Each structure stands twice: as structure tokens, then as C-alpha cells.
Amino acid sequence: MELRHLTAFIAVAEELHFGRAAKRLQMAQPPLSQQIRQLEKELGVRLFERNTRSVRLTNAGESFLEPARTVLDDVEIAVGAAKAAGRGEHGRVTVGFAGASSHEALPVLTRAVRAAHPGLELVMRGQTYADVALAKVADGTLDLGFVRLPVNQPGVRTRVIEVEELICALPTDHRLAGLDRVPITELADEPFVSFPSNAGSTLRDALVKACVAGGFTPRVVQEAPDSYTILALVAAGVGVTLTLTSCQHIQQTGLVYRELAGEPTRLRAALAWREDNTNAALHTVLDIAETALPTPE
């Protein structure tokens, strides 16, 4: 059985006239009649009662009509889905991100994608530190990653979506909490709370680098896997930390944020993807992100 047999059957069933059905299908009547006979032979039943004056459906034909229509409708849907996927309007994109710093950017992107193309699915891989996300983009495990510059992986392209600044988070009763801007040298003897070392956190690297530039190595007394936990520990008085302006939405009782004195340390958040990634859905998401998450001036 071929799709053309179903198409022929439906045309005759709806017209109840072989001549009109043949005209509708833009074919001659003899080949149409032959297709109906082939279909009836394969099914082992008669689909039409026909004579020189009329054509009508048999009980078998009436029973076959709706399922045949459903088959052709499903084929049309499948063809449309394949073409839409080829245009990047359907499909799946895997996205790696770290929770707190993507608090604003990620929902903006997901809402924009859903509004533009509901058939696109973003598969989220949370708690993926920036360096880890970059490595997974580079090896093809992820389609898209929220990362921070600089990026030196060959074959990986990036676009900046946000500029973040390093700030200090302190307990409200800390001796430095009353200052508007905290000199980093004042933190030399403080216990720190931060991300695990060697876990791929660019924020941990930035914290250490800033402290070393201030003349000391930070004494990390407690490690935690995410900014929410780190800032809760700071609020509880376990230590201090350096975090990002993009994390200031985390408001804990007993916690204050203060700018660092001196020249600000800025980190550039970016989207990263492999240049040779052929996933059409990814490129549609990147096009949407151009508007939803524009590069700041």
C-alpha cells in the first residue's frame, strides 16, 4: 500500500465520481481506477459499489475512510515537522548554566524562545560552572553555554551578554559593613566562603586573583556548590566572600553587599557555542538571543 493509493481512495470517496476525482488529482481516470483496484486487492475487500450510473462506499469503504484521512494528516504533520526542524523552528538545544548568575538572563531567553517558536525545546543543565560549560560546549556535549571571558577554546564562538562587577558580601554586623566601599586589603585576615577549588568556577578564580592582587591569599574556610548556599553561610557569620553584581537579587537576612574600593574588577558573561555545530535549532536560539540578550555597550 502506498500513500498515492490512500490519496486516490479519499478523492473518490469524497467525490463519489471517478471522473471528478481524477480531475481533482490531475490524472487520467484509468490509472485512478487501477489504483483503487490495487488497494481493494491488497485489503481483500471492496471499497466501492459502482455501476455506470453511480459510485457509493461499501461498509468496508466507510470504515476505511476516516483512518485513511488520519494517516494522510499524520504524514502532512510529519513532513511539516521535518521542514520546520530544518528551518530551526523545531528541535532541542542543550544549555549549560550556573544558577544565581543566570537568574535574569536565562528566563529572558527561555521566554523569548517559547514565544517565537513553541516547538523548540531548551534542555537545561543547571549548576554547570562557566569553565565546565565551556569545556562541554567545546567537546559537543552542550549546544550552548553561559560562560565568562576570556575564551581560548579553538572552534568556540562567543557573544557577550552582560558585564558583571566583583563586589563584597559581608554579615550585617561585620566591622566593614558600615563602609560604602571596602578596600580589599582589609579582607586579608578574614575567613572566606567560596566555590570549591578546581571545580571550574570562574568566580572562585576571580576571587583568588583579586585577593592576590591585594597582597594576600584568601583563607577559604568553607566551600559550597552554589551562590545561594555561599551567601547563606556569609549571612550566618561563617565568613565573607566576593561575588558578582548579578547575584545581588539573593537577599538574605544578615547579609549586605558592598562595592570594592579602587578600580572595579569586571567580568564579561557570554554565550558560547561551537562554530561547526549544525543543529539548526541552536542557530535559531542564537538569533532570538541577539534581541532578547543584546550585547551591552
C-alpha atoms as a PDB file:
ATOM      1  CA  MET A   1       0.000   0.000   0.000  1.00  0.00           C
ATOM      2  CA  GLU A   2       1.320   3.416  -0.950  1.00  0.00           C
ATOM      3  CA  LEU A   3       0.270   6.898   0.035  1.00  0.00           C
ATOM      4  CA  ARG A   4      -0.946   7.522  -3.514  1.00  0.00           C
ATOM      5  CA  HIS A   5      -3.453   4.674  -3.052  1.00  0.00           C
ATOM      6  CA  LEU A   6      -4.878   6.384   0.032  1.00  0.00           C
ATOM      7  CA  THR A   7      -4.965   9.733  -1.748  1.00  0.00           C
ATOM      8  CA  ALA A   8      -6.835   8.162  -4.664  1.00  0.00           C
ATOM      9  CA  PHE A   9      -9.299   6.388  -2.365  1.00  0.00           C
ATOM     10  CA  ILE A  10     -10.098   9.562  -0.386  1.00  0.00           C
ATOM     11  CA  ALA A  11     -10.636  11.578  -3.570  1.00  0.00           C
ATOM     12  CA  VAL A  12     -13.097   9.024  -4.980  1.00  0.00           C
ATOM     13  CA  ALA A  13     -14.815   8.614  -1.580  1.00  0.00           C
ATOM     14  CA  GLU A  14     -15.364  12.362  -1.296  1.00  0.00           C
ATOM     15  CA  GLU A  15     -16.388  12.940  -4.924  1.00  0.00           C
ATOM     16  CA  LEU A  16     -18.258   9.628  -5.410  1.00  0.00           C
ATOM     17  CA  HIS A  17     -17.364  10.037  -9.070  1.00  0.00           C
ATOM     18  CA  PHE A  18     -14.220   8.681 -10.745  1.00  0.00           C
ATOM     19  CA  GLY A  19     -14.123  11.401 -13.388  1.00  0.00           C
ATOM     20  CA  ARG A  20     -14.294  14.265 -10.874  1.00  0.00           C
ATOM     21  CA  ALA A  21     -11.797  12.534  -8.596  1.00  0.00           C
ATOM     22  CA  ALA A  22      -9.351  12.073 -11.490  1.00  0.00           C
ATOM     23  CA  LYS A  23      -9.699  15.751 -12.424  1.00  0.00           C
ATOM     24  CA  ARG A  24      -9.116  16.752  -8.786  1.00  0.00           C
ATOM     25  CA  LEU A  25      -5.938  14.659  -8.692  1.00  0.00           C
ATOM     26  CA  GLN A  26      -4.865  15.932 -12.114  1.00  0.00           C
ATOM     27  CA  MET A  27      -4.586  12.465 -13.581  1.00  0.00           C
ATOM     28  CA  ALA A  28      -6.392  10.314 -16.122  1.00  0.00           C
ATOM     29  CA  GLN A  29      -9.310   8.166 -14.990  1.00  0.00           C
ATOM     30  CA  PRO A  30      -7.908   4.705 -15.995  1.00  0.00           C
ATOM     31  CA  PRO A  31      -4.816   4.961 -13.740  1.00  0.00           C
ATOM     32  CA  LEU A  32      -7.083   6.131 -10.904  1.00  0.00           C
ATOM     33  CA  SER A  33      -9.357   3.131 -11.346  1.00  0.00           C
ATOM     34  CA  GLN A  34      -6.304   0.875 -11.411  1.00  0.00           C
ATOM     35  CA  GLN A  35      -5.028   2.298  -8.091  1.00  0.00           C
ATOM     36  CA  ILE A  36      -8.407   1.660  -6.450  1.00  0.00           C
ATOM     37  CA  ARG A  37      -8.401  -1.940  -7.727  1.00  0.00           C
ATOM     38  CA  GLN A  38      -4.851  -2.441  -6.387  1.00  0.00           C
ATOM     39  CA  LEU A  39      -5.912  -1.106  -2.990  1.00  0.00           C
ATOM     40  CA  GLU A  40      -9.000  -3.317  -2.866  1.00  0.00           C
ATOM     41  CA  LYS A  41      -6.894  -6.342  -3.847  1.00  0.00           C
ATOM     42  CA  GLU A  42      -4.400  -5.664  -1.071  1.00  0.00           C
ATOM     43  CA  LEU A  43      -7.126  -5.150   1.522  1.00  0.00           C
ATOM     44  CA  GLY A  44      -9.147  -8.128   0.295  1.00  0.00           C
ATOM     45  CA  VAL A  45     -12.410  -6.140   0.370  1.00  0.00           C
ATOM     46  CA  ARG A  46     -14.434  -3.984  -1.977  1.00  0.00           C
ATOM     47  CA  LEU A  47     -14.349  -0.312  -1.070  1.00  0.00           C
ATOM     48  CA  PHE A  48     -16.884   0.921  -3.635  1.00  0.00           C
ATOM     49  CA  GLU A  49     -20.097  -0.291  -5.216  1.00  0.00           C
ATOM     50  CA  ARG A  50     -20.013   1.113  -8.726  1.00  0.00           C
ATOM     51  CA  ASN A  51     -22.018   0.865 -11.891  1.00  0.00           C
ATOM     52  CA  THR A  52     -22.473   3.013 -14.974  1.00  0.00           C
ATOM     53  CA  ARG A  53     -24.664   5.476 -13.085  1.00  0.00           C
ATOM     54  CA  SER A  54     -23.280   5.814  -9.547  1.00  0.00           C
ATOM     55  CA  VAL A  55     -20.460   5.172  -7.123  1.00  0.00           C
ATOM     56  CA  ARG A  56     -21.004   4.593  -3.414  1.00  0.00           C
ATOM     57  CA  LEU A  57     -18.924   3.419  -0.479  1.00  0.00           C
ATOM     58  CA  THR A  58     -19.345  -0.085   0.849  1.00  0.00           C
ATOM     59  CA  ASN A  59     -19.400  -0.688   4.605  1.00  0.00           C
ATOM     60  CA  ALA A  60     -15.691  -1.524   4.359  1.00  0.00           C
ATOM     61  CA  GLY A  61     -15.065   1.719   2.455  1.00  0.00           C
ATOM     62  CA  GLU A  62     -16.906   3.799   5.042  1.00  0.00           C
ATOM     63  CA  SER A  63     -14.897   2.134   7.812  1.00  0.00           C
ATOM     64  CA  PHE A  64     -11.637   2.754   5.950  1.00  0.00           C
ATOM     65  CA  LEU A  65     -12.232   6.443   5.143  1.00  0.00           C
ATOM     66  CA  GLU A  66     -11.504   8.160   8.477  1.00  0.00           C
ATOM     67  CA  PRO A  67      -8.394   6.089   9.319  1.00  0.00           C
ATOM     68  CA  ALA A  68      -7.082   6.810   5.791  1.00  0.00           C
ATOM     69  CA  ARG A  69      -7.631  10.545   6.325  1.00  0.00           C
ATOM     70  CA  THR A  70      -5.801  10.300   9.664  1.00  0.00           C
ATOM     71  CA  VAL A  71      -2.818   8.615   8.002  1.00  0.00           C
ATOM     72  CA  LEU A  72      -2.503  11.372   5.396  1.00  0.00           C
ATOM     73  CA  ASP A  73      -2.955  14.071   8.053  1.00  0.00           C
ATOM     74  CA  ASP A  74      -0.191  12.486  10.136  1.00  0.00           C
ATOM     75  CA  VAL A  75       2.085  12.339   7.114  1.00  0.00           C
ATOM     76  CA  GLU A  76       1.455  16.033   6.472  1.00  0.00           C
ATOM     77  CA  ILE A  77       2.257  16.814  10.111  1.00  0.00           C
ATOM     78  CA  ALA A  78       5.449  14.745   9.926  1.00  0.00           C
ATOM     79  CA  VAL A  79       6.562  16.483   6.733  1.00  0.00           C
ATOM     80  CA  GLY A  80       5.816  19.876   8.272  1.00  0.00           C
ATOM     81  CA  ALA A  81       7.739  18.987  11.431  1.00  0.00           C
ATOM     82  CA  ALA A  82      10.767  17.833   9.434  1.00  0.00           C
ATOM     83  CA  LYS A  83      10.774  21.012   7.339  1.00  0.00           C
ATOM     84  CA  ALA A  84      10.320  23.163  10.462  1.00  0.00           C
ATOM     85  CA  ALA A  85      13.213  21.361  12.147  1.00  0.00           C
ATOM     86  CA  GLY A  86      15.336  22.036   9.096  1.00  0.00           C
ATOM     87  CA  ARG A  87      14.493  25.720   9.464  1.00  0.00           C
ATOM     88  CA  GLY A  88      15.335  25.583  13.176  1.00  0.00           C
ATOM     89  CA  GLU A  89      11.713  26.035  14.294  1.00  0.00           C
ATOM     90  CA  HIS A  90      11.548  22.618  15.972  1.00  0.00           C
ATOM     91  CA  GLY A  91      14.212  20.700  17.825  1.00  0.00           C
ATOM     92  CA  ARG A  92      16.233  20.564  21.012  1.00  0.00           C
ATOM     93  CA  VAL A  93      19.050  22.739  22.335  1.00  0.00           C
ATOM     94  CA  THR A  94      21.028  21.758  25.440  1.00  0.00           C
ATOM     95  CA  VAL A  95      22.046  24.714  27.606  1.00  0.00           C
ATOM     96  CA  GLY A  96      24.573  24.755  30.462  1.00  0.00           C
ATOM     97  CA  PHE A  97      24.382  27.475  33.098  1.00  0.00           C
ATOM     98  CA  ALA A  98      25.240  28.313  36.704  1.00  0.00           C
ATOM     99  CA  GLY A  99      22.191  29.139  38.796  1.00  0.00           C
ATOM    100  CA  ALA A 100      22.485  32.501  40.530  1.00  0.00           C
ATOM    101  CA  SER A 101      24.420  34.485  37.927  1.00  0.00           C
ATOM    102  CA  SER A 102      21.954  33.389  35.205  1.00  0.00           C
ATOM    103  CA  HIS A 103      18.975  34.454  37.342  1.00  0.00           C
ATOM    104  CA  GLU A 104      17.989  37.278  34.985  1.00  0.00           C
ATOM    105  CA  ALA A 105      19.385  36.248  31.604  1.00  0.00           C
ATOM    106  CA  LEU A 106      18.119  32.662  31.435  1.00  0.00           C
ATOM    107  CA  PRO A 107      14.371  33.376  31.972  1.00  0.00           C
ATOM    108  CA  VAL A 108      14.547  36.193  29.426  1.00  0.00           C
ATOM    109  CA  LEU A 109      15.988  33.829  26.833  1.00  0.00           C
ATOM    110  CA  THR A 110      13.610  30.938  27.564  1.00  0.00           C
ATOM    111  CA  ARG A 111      10.517  33.163  27.395  1.00  0.00           C
ATOM    112  CA  ALA A 112      11.679  34.704  24.116  1.00  0.00           C
ATOM    113  CA  VAL A 113      12.337  31.281  22.564  1.00  0.00           C
ATOM    114  CA  ARG A 114       8.969  29.921  23.736  1.00  0.00           C
ATOM    115  CA  ALA A 115       7.141  32.938  22.340  1.00  0.00           C
ATOM    116  CA  ALA A 116       8.874  32.803  18.959  1.00  0.00           C
ATOM    117  CA  HIS A 117       8.927  29.035  18.390  1.00  0.00           C
ATOM    118  CA  PRO A 118       6.924  26.846  20.831  1.00  0.00           C
ATOM    119  CA  GLY A 119       8.298  23.772  19.062  1.00  0.00           C
ATOM    120  CA  LEU A 120      11.823  24.500  20.287  1.00  0.00           C
ATOM    121  CA  GLU A 121      12.881  22.738  23.481  1.00  0.00           C
ATOM    122  CA  LEU A 122      15.636  24.117  25.701  1.00  0.00           C
ATOM    123  CA  VAL A 123      17.110  21.301  27.806  1.00  0.00           C
ATOM    124  CA  MET A 124      18.636  22.936  30.884  1.00  0.00           C
ATOM    125  CA  ARG A 125      21.793  21.658  32.539  1.00  0.00           C
ATOM    126  CA  GLY A 126      21.953  23.631  35.798  1.00  0.00           C
ATOM    127  CA  GLN A 127      24.871  24.048  38.209  1.00  0.00           C
ATOM    128  CA  THR A 128      27.300  23.966  35.303  1.00  0.00           C
ATOM    129  CA  TYR A 129      30.174  26.267  36.229  1.00  0.00           C
ATOM    130  CA  ALA A 130      31.382  28.571  33.471  1.00  0.00           C
ATOM    131  CA  ASP A 131      34.619  26.698  32.740  1.00  0.00           C
ATOM    132  CA  VAL A 132      32.781  23.365  32.783  1.00  0.00           C
ATOM    133  CA  ALA A 133      30.093  24.723  30.445  1.00  0.00           C
ATOM    134  CA  LEU A 134      32.813  25.954  28.102  1.00  0.00           C
ATOM    135  CA  ALA A 135      34.551  22.576  28.069  1.00  0.00           C
ATOM    136  CA  LYS A 136      31.256  20.804  27.341  1.00  0.00           C
ATOM    137  CA  VAL A 137      30.456  23.201  24.518  1.00  0.00           C
ATOM    138  CA  ALA A 138      33.929  22.584  23.096  1.00  0.00           C
ATOM    139  CA  ASP A 139      33.534  18.786  23.148  1.00  0.00           C
ATOM    140  CA  GLY A 140      29.965  18.908  21.811  1.00  0.00           C
ATOM    141  CA  THR A 141      28.217  17.737  24.998  1.00  0.00           C
ATOM    142  CA  LEU A 142      26.329  21.050  25.174  1.00  0.00           C
ATOM    143  CA  ASP A 143      24.954  23.145  22.337  1.00  0.00           C
ATOM    144  CA  LEU A 144      25.048  26.424  24.248  1.00  0.00           C
ATOM    145  CA  GLY A 145      26.777  27.546  27.430  1.00  0.00           C
ATOM    146  CA  PHE A 146      26.678  30.565  29.723  1.00  0.00           C
ATOM    147  CA  VAL A 147      30.380  31.302  30.183  1.00  0.00           C
ATOM    148  CA  ARG A 148      32.752  34.135  31.083  1.00  0.00           C
ATOM    149  CA  LEU A 149      35.541  35.585  29.000  1.00  0.00           C
ATOM    150  CA  PRO A 150      38.289  35.094  28.097  1.00  0.00           C
ATOM    151  CA  VAL A 151      37.566  32.015  25.996  1.00  0.00           C
ATOM    152  CA  ASN A 152      40.513  30.374  24.284  1.00  0.00           C
ATOM    153  CA  GLN A 153      38.971  27.088  23.145  1.00  0.00           C
ATOM    154  CA  PRO A 154      39.545  26.548  19.402  1.00  0.00           C
ATOM    155  CA  GLY A 155      36.372  26.367  17.340  1.00  0.00           C
ATOM    156  CA  VAL A 156      34.205  28.034  20.019  1.00  0.00           C
ATOM    157  CA  ARG A 157      32.457  31.319  19.316  1.00  0.00           C
ATOM    158  CA  THR A 158      31.144  33.704  21.966  1.00  0.00           C
ATOM    159  CA  ARG A 159      28.996  36.811  22.309  1.00  0.00           C
ATOM    160  CA  VAL A 160      28.989  38.998  25.427  1.00  0.00           C
ATOM    161  CA  ILE A 161      25.553  39.405  27.017  1.00  0.00           C
ATOM    162  CA  GLU A 162      26.376  41.075  30.343  1.00  0.00           C
ATOM    163  CA  VAL A 163      29.184  42.890  32.157  1.00  0.00           C
ATOM    164  CA  GLU A 164      29.362  41.967  35.853  1.00  0.00           C
ATOM    165  CA  GLU A 165      31.366  43.558  38.635  1.00  0.00           C
ATOM    166  CA  LEU A 166      33.084  41.882  41.564  1.00  0.00           C
ATOM    167  CA  ILE A 167      31.654  43.030  44.919  1.00  0.00           C
ATOM    168  CA  CYS A 168      32.000  42.072  48.574  1.00  0.00           C
ATOM    169  CA  ALA A 169      29.351  40.259  50.629  1.00  0.00           C
ATOM    170  CA  LEU A 170      29.537  40.606  54.424  1.00  0.00           C
ATOM    171  CA  PRO A 171      27.484  39.763  57.506  1.00  0.00           C
ATOM    172  CA  THR A 172      25.471  42.834  58.562  1.00  0.00           C
ATOM    173  CA  ASP A 173      27.323  43.001  61.902  1.00  0.00           C
ATOM    174  CA  HIS A 174      30.764  42.839  60.278  1.00  0.00           C
ATOM    175  CA  ARG A 175      33.229  45.582  61.164  1.00  0.00           C
ATOM    176  CA  LEU A 176      33.413  46.621  57.469  1.00  0.00           C
ATOM    177  CA  ALA A 177      29.656  46.606  56.835  1.00  0.00           C
ATOM    178  CA  GLY A 178      29.397  50.318  57.600  1.00  0.00           C
ATOM    179  CA  LEU A 179      31.716  51.258  54.737  1.00  0.00           C
ATOM    180  CA  ASP A 180      30.351  52.199  51.308  1.00  0.00           C
ATOM    181  CA  ARG A 181      33.414  50.764  49.566  1.00  0.00           C
ATOM    182  CA  VAL A 182      35.574  48.049  51.097  1.00  0.00           C
ATOM    183  CA  PRO A 183      39.363  48.064  50.435  1.00  0.00           C
ATOM    184  CA  ILE A 184      40.292  44.510  49.528  1.00  0.00           C
ATOM    185  CA  THR A 185      43.375  44.745  51.766  1.00  0.00           C
ATOM    186  CA  GLU A 186      41.011  44.934  54.748  1.00  0.00           C
ATOM    187  CA  LEU A 187      39.916  41.370  53.983  1.00  0.00           C
ATOM    188  CA  ALA A 188      43.402  39.861  54.332  1.00  0.00           C
ATOM    189  CA  ASP A 189      42.745  38.283  57.740  1.00  0.00           C
ATOM    190  CA  GLU A 190      39.116  37.336  57.077  1.00  0.00           C
ATOM    191  CA  PRO A 191      37.816  33.790  56.648  1.00  0.00           C
ATOM    192  CA  PHE A 192      36.286  33.290  53.179  1.00  0.00           C
ATOM    193  CA  VAL A 193      33.413  31.203  51.868  1.00  0.00           C
ATOM    194  CA  SER A 194      33.620  30.279  48.186  1.00  0.00           C
ATOM    195  CA  PHE A 195      33.098  27.696  45.478  1.00  0.00           C
ATOM    196  CA  PRO A 196      35.167  24.502  45.507  1.00  0.00           C
ATOM    197  CA  SER A 197      38.636  24.872  44.051  1.00  0.00           C
ATOM    198  CA  ASN A 198      39.310  23.235  40.688  1.00  0.00           C
ATOM    199  CA  ALA A 199      35.577  22.855  40.039  1.00  0.00           C
ATOM    200  CA  GLY A 200      35.524  25.149  37.041  1.00  0.00           C
ATOM    201  CA  SER A 201      34.151  28.254  38.785  1.00  0.00           C
ATOM    202  CA  THR A 202      35.377  31.472  37.182  1.00  0.00           C
ATOM    203  CA  LEU A 203      34.096  33.368  40.228  1.00  0.00           C
ATOM    204  CA  ARG A 204      36.388  31.362  42.540  1.00  0.00           C
ATOM    205  CA  ASP A 205      39.278  32.162  40.189  1.00  0.00           C
ATOM    206  CA  ALA A 206      38.354  35.874  40.167  1.00  0.00           C
ATOM    207  CA  LEU A 207      38.158  35.922  43.979  1.00  0.00           C
ATOM    208  CA  VAL A 208      41.630  34.432  44.360  1.00  0.00           C
ATOM    209  CA  LYS A 209      43.093  36.699  41.693  1.00  0.00           C
ATOM    210  CA  ALA A 210      41.633  39.839  43.306  1.00  0.00           C
ATOM    211  CA  CYS A 211      42.963  38.859  46.727  1.00  0.00           C
ATOM    212  CA  VAL A 212      46.414  38.040  45.400  1.00  0.00           C
ATOM    213  CA  ALA A 213      46.449  41.440  43.673  1.00  0.00           C
ATOM    214  CA  GLY A 214      45.658  42.904  47.114  1.00  0.00           C
ATOM    215  CA  GLY A 215      48.730  41.235  48.582  1.00  0.00           C
ATOM    216  CA  PHE A 216      47.331  38.100  50.249  1.00  0.00           C
ATOM    217  CA  THR A 217      45.999  34.604  49.588  1.00  0.00           C
ATOM    218  CA  PRO A 218      42.389  34.173  50.742  1.00  0.00           C
ATOM    219  CA  ARG A 219      41.826  31.748  53.595  1.00  0.00           C
ATOM    220  CA  VAL A 220      38.816  29.714  52.456  1.00  0.00           C
ATOM    221  CA  VAL A 221      37.258  28.038  55.498  1.00  0.00           C
ATOM    222  CA  GLN A 222      34.094  26.754  53.858  1.00  0.00           C
ATOM    223  CA  GLU A 223      33.238  25.687  50.295  1.00  0.00           C
ATOM    224  CA  ALA A 224      29.740  25.428  48.837  1.00  0.00           C
ATOM    225  CA  PRO A 225      28.422  24.419  45.391  1.00  0.00           C
ATOM    226  CA  ASP A 226      26.303  27.492  44.585  1.00  0.00           C
ATOM    227  CA  SER A 227      25.940  31.204  45.329  1.00  0.00           C
ATOM    228  CA  TYR A 228      22.707  30.729  47.273  1.00  0.00           C
ATOM    229  CA  THR A 229      24.441  28.491  49.824  1.00  0.00           C
ATOM    230  CA  ILE A 230      27.599  30.612  49.902  1.00  0.00           C
ATOM    231  CA  LEU A 231      25.662  33.786  50.677  1.00  0.00           C
ATOM    232  CA  ALA A 232      23.558  31.992  53.306  1.00  0.00           C
ATOM    233  CA  LEU A 233      26.797  30.961  55.025  1.00  0.00           C
ATOM    234  CA  VAL A 234      28.060  34.554  54.874  1.00  0.00           C
ATOM    235  CA  ALA A 235      24.793  35.755  56.425  1.00  0.00           C
ATOM    236  CA  ALA A 236      25.286  33.161  59.172  1.00  0.00           C
ATOM    237  CA  GLY A 237      28.700  34.654  60.005  1.00  0.00           C
ATOM    238  CA  VAL A 238      30.881  31.828  58.680  1.00  0.00           C
ATOM    239  CA  GLY A 239      32.992  34.222  56.621  1.00  0.00           C
ATOM    240  CA  VAL A 240      32.986  36.810  53.854  1.00  0.00           C
ATOM    241  CA  THR A 241      33.044  36.374  50.093  1.00  0.00           C
ATOM    242  CA  LEU A 242      33.477  38.141  46.796  1.00  0.00           C
ATOM    243  CA  THR A 243      30.501  37.716  44.488  1.00  0.00           C
ATOM    244  CA  LEU A 244      29.047  39.368  41.392  1.00  0.00           C
ATOM    245  CA  THR A 245      26.568  42.184  40.889  1.00  0.00           C
ATOM    246  CA  SER A 246      24.356  39.675  39.036  1.00  0.00           C
ATOM    247  CA  CYS A 247      23.887  37.802  42.338  1.00  0.00           C
ATOM    248  CA  GLN A 248      22.538  40.758  44.322  1.00  0.00           C
ATOM    249  CA  HIS A 249      18.989  39.501  43.823  1.00  0.00           C
ATOM    250  CA  ILE A 250      19.804  36.999  46.598  1.00  0.00           C
ATOM    251  CA  GLN A 251      18.598  38.787  49.697  1.00  0.00           C
ATOM    252  CA  GLN A 252      19.372  37.049  52.985  1.00  0.00           C
ATOM    253  CA  THR A 253      18.650  38.330  56.463  1.00  0.00           C
ATOM    254  CA  GLY A 254      22.003  39.294  57.956  1.00  0.00           C
ATOM    255  CA  LEU A 255      23.705  39.916  54.594  1.00  0.00           C
ATOM    256  CA  VAL A 256      24.956  43.129  52.965  1.00  0.00           C
ATOM    257  CA  TYR A 257      26.692  43.854  49.671  1.00  0.00           C
ATOM    258  CA  ARG A 258      29.440  46.455  49.347  1.00  0.00           C
ATOM    259  CA  GLU A 259      31.462  47.690  46.379  1.00  0.00           C
ATOM    260  CA  LEU A 260      35.198  47.128  46.429  1.00  0.00           C
ATOM    261  CA  ALA A 261      37.398  50.212  46.662  1.00  0.00           C
ATOM    262  CA  GLY A 262      39.687  51.069  43.782  1.00  0.00           C
ATOM    263  CA  GLU A 263      39.408  50.169  40.122  1.00  0.00           C
ATOM    264  CA  PRO A 264      36.426  47.822  39.650  1.00  0.00           C
ATOM    265  CA  THR A 265      37.034  44.240  38.543  1.00  0.00           C
ATOM    266  CA  ARG A 266      34.646  43.412  35.715  1.00  0.00           C
ATOM    267  CA  LEU A 267      33.798  40.015  34.273  1.00  0.00           C
ATOM    268  CA  ARG A 268      32.101  39.584  30.908  1.00  0.00           C
ATOM    269  CA  ALA A 269      29.335  36.977  30.774  1.00  0.00           C
ATOM    270  CA  ALA A 270      28.825  35.458  27.346  1.00  0.00           C
ATOM    271  CA  LEU A 271      27.038  32.787  25.357  1.00  0.00           C
ATOM    272  CA  ALA A 272      29.331  30.172  23.835  1.00  0.00           C
ATOM    273  CA  TRP A 273      28.725  27.639  21.064  1.00  0.00           C
ATOM    274  CA  ARG A 274      30.746  25.557  18.653  1.00  0.00           C
ATOM    275  CA  GLU A 275      31.272  27.225  15.313  1.00  0.00           C
ATOM    276  CA  ASP A 276      30.722  23.931  13.475  1.00  0.00           C
ATOM    277  CA  ASN A 277      27.532  22.967  15.339  1.00  0.00           C
ATOM    278  CA  THR A 278      24.988  22.069  12.639  1.00  0.00           C
ATOM    279  CA  ASN A 279      21.934  21.990  14.915  1.00  0.00           C
ATOM    280  CA  ALA A 280      19.525  24.353  13.131  1.00  0.00           C
ATOM    281  CA  ALA A 281      17.597  24.873  16.363  1.00  0.00           C
ATOM    282  CA  LEU A 282      20.738  26.248  18.026  1.00  0.00           C
ATOM    283  CA  HIS A 283      21.147  28.913  15.364  1.00  0.00           C
ATOM    284  CA  THR A 284      17.503  29.910  15.745  1.00  0.00           C
ATOM    285  CA  VAL A 285      18.054  30.295  19.505  1.00  0.00           C
ATOM    286  CA  LEU A 286      21.165  32.382  18.844  1.00  0.00           C
ATOM    287  CA  ASP A 287      19.172  34.645  16.519  1.00  0.00           C
ATOM    288  CA  ILE A 288      16.489  35.103  19.198  1.00  0.00           C
ATOM    289  CA  ALA A 289      19.180  35.797  21.819  1.00  0.00           C
ATOM    290  CA  GLU A 290      20.540  38.654  19.703  1.00  0.00           C
ATOM    291  CA  THR A 291      17.355  40.574  20.532  1.00  0.00           C
ATOM    292  CA  ALA A 292      16.476  39.084  23.934  1.00  0.00           C
ATOM    293  CA  LEU A 293      20.012  39.375  25.350  1.00  0.00           C
ATOM    294  CA  PRO A 294      21.755  42.119  23.369  1.00  0.00           C
ATOM    295  CA  THR A 295      25.443  42.793  23.828  1.00  0.00           C
ATOM    296  CA  PRO A 296      25.836  45.756  26.228  1.00  0.00           C
ATOM    297  CA  GLU A 297      27.632  48.837  25.000  1.00  0.00           C
END
